[in-house]
Amino acid sequence: MRNFQRNDVDIAKNIRMIEWLKTELLENVAGLFRGFLKGNETVLLDFLSNIVVFSYVLARRLGIDFHELDRSVVQKVERSIELGHEVEEWYGDLSDLQEHMKRKR
């Protein structure tokens, strides 16, 4: 009986954490949009880094390994380059990101 109650607590705790992380992501996206109005690079960088961090933590809470998320991002970048995404066609940002990610490994 104790293990059953413990599992219920763990599941409820995980659900609360997932909901909190989703809220944090939304708040940081909203903050990013507000930051565009101010044009302050420090503020924008803070919100962008929070979005990345909370995305990784949310993935983990959902049972996705950090490495798996990394692989998915790499694949998404490669696929977007292949498909000629506008940000790649106009600026080459995806190729730059791809190179950055290769150097990081």
Protein backbone atom coordinates (compact mmCIF):
# COMPACT_ATOMS: atom_id res chain seq x y z
CA MET A 1 0.00 0.00 0.00
CA ARG A 2 2.84 2.40 0.80
CA ASN A 3 4.47 1.98 -2.62
CA PHE A 4 1.14 2.65 -4.28
CA GLN A 5 0.72 5.90 -2.36
CA ARG A 6 4.33 6.86 -3.07
CA ASN A 7 3.81 6.26 -6.80
CA ASP A 8 0.67 8.42 -6.72
CA VAL A 9 2.63 11.22 -5.07
CA ASP A 10 5.45 10.89 -7.63
CA ILE A 11 3.01 10.96 -10.54
CA ALA A 12 1.17 13.97 -9.13
CA LYS A 13 4.46 15.73 -8.46
CA ASN A 14 5.63 15.07 -12.02
CA ILE A 15 2.34 16.35 -13.46
CA ARG A 16 2.60 19.54 -11.38
CA MET A 17 6.18 20.03 -12.56
CA ILE A 18 5.18 19.55 -16.21
CA GLU A 19 2.39 22.10 -15.82
CA TRP A 20 4.78 24.53 -14.10
CA LEU A 21 7.36 24.11 -16.89
CA LYS A 22 4.70 24.73 -19.55
CA THR A 23 3.73 27.91 -17.71
CA GLU A 24 7.37 29.01 -17.47
CA LEU A 25 7.78 28.48 -21.21
CA LEU A 26 4.70 30.57 -21.98
CA GLU A 27 5.77 33.32 -19.58
CA ASN A 28 9.21 33.47 -21.17
CA VAL A 29 7.79 33.56 -24.70
CA ALA A 30 5.54 36.44 -23.59
CA GLY A 31 8.54 38.11 -21.96
CA LEU A 32 10.49 37.71 -25.18
CA PHE A 33 7.75 39.50 -27.10
CA ARG A 34 7.71 42.29 -24.51
CA GLY A 35 11.50 42.39 -24.76
CA PHE A 36 11.25 43.07 -28.50
CA LEU A 37 9.59 46.37 -27.64
CA LYS A 38 12.46 47.38 -25.37
CA GLY A 39 15.18 46.20 -27.74
CA ASN A 40 17.49 45.31 -24.85
CA GLU A 41 19.83 42.48 -25.89
CA THR A 42 20.40 41.37 -22.29
CA VAL A 43 16.66 40.98 -21.71
CA LEU A 44 16.18 39.10 -24.98
CA LEU A 45 19.11 36.80 -24.24
CA ASP A 46 17.72 36.05 -20.79
CA PHE A 47 14.31 35.05 -22.14
CA LEU A 48 15.77 33.04 -25.03
CA SER A 49 18.11 31.10 -22.74
CA ASN A 50 15.24 30.41 -20.33
CA ILE A 51 13.16 29.04 -23.21
CA VAL A 52 15.98 26.68 -24.21
CA VAL A 53 16.61 25.51 -20.63
CA PHE A 54 12.94 24.98 -19.81
CA SER A 55 12.46 23.12 -23.11
CA TYR A 56 15.21 20.67 -22.18
CA VAL A 57 13.85 20.17 -18.66
CA LEU A 58 10.30 19.72 -19.94
CA ALA A 59 11.53 17.13 -22.44
CA ARG A 60 13.22 15.24 -19.61
CA ARG A 61 10.05 15.32 -17.49
CA LEU A 62 8.22 13.88 -20.51
CA GLY A 63 10.71 11.00 -20.69
CA ILE A 64 12.89 12.36 -23.49
CA ASP A 65 16.67 12.20 -22.95
CA PHE A 66 18.73 15.34 -23.49
CA HIS A 67 20.71 13.48 -26.18
CA GLU A 68 17.50 12.49 -27.92
CA LEU A 69 16.35 16.11 -27.98
CA ASP A 70 19.76 17.16 -29.29
CA ARG A 71 19.51 14.58 -32.09
CA SER A 72 16.03 15.78 -32.96
CA VAL A 73 17.21 19.39 -33.15
CA VAL A 74 20.13 18.39 -35.40
CA GLN A 75 17.75 16.46 -37.67
CA LYS A 76 15.30 19.38 -37.73
CA VAL A 77 18.07 21.78 -38.77
CA GLU A 78 19.33 19.39 -41.47
CA ARG A 79 15.83 18.84 -42.83
CA SER A 80 15.05 22.56 -42.84
CA ILE A 81 18.24 23.21 -44.81
CA GLU A 82 17.30 20.49 -47.31
CA LEU A 83 13.81 21.94 -47.73
CA GLY A 84 15.19 25.43 -48.32
CA HIS A 85 13.58 27.10 -45.31
CA GLU A 86 13.35 30.87 -45.81
CA VAL A 87 15.69 31.67 -42.91
CA GLU A 88 18.31 29.51 -44.61
CA GLU A 89 17.68 30.84 -48.10
CA TRP A 90 17.75 34.48 -47.03
CA TYR A 91 20.41 34.48 -44.31
CA GLY A 92 22.12 31.09 -44.07
CA ASP A 93 21.31 30.97 -40.35
CA LEU A 94 20.54 27.26 -40.31
CA SER A 95 23.90 26.38 -41.88
CA ASP A 96 25.59 28.58 -39.29
CA LEU A 97 23.64 26.82 -36.54
CA GLN A 98 24.58 23.45 -38.00
CA GLU A 99 28.28 24.40 -37.95
CA HIS A 100 27.97 25.69 -34.38
CA MET A 101 26.39 22.42 -33.27
CA LYS A 102 29.12 20.37 -34.99
CA ARG A 103 31.86 22.38 -33.25
CA LYS A 104 30.09 21.91 -29.91
CA ARG A 105 30.18 18.11 -30.13
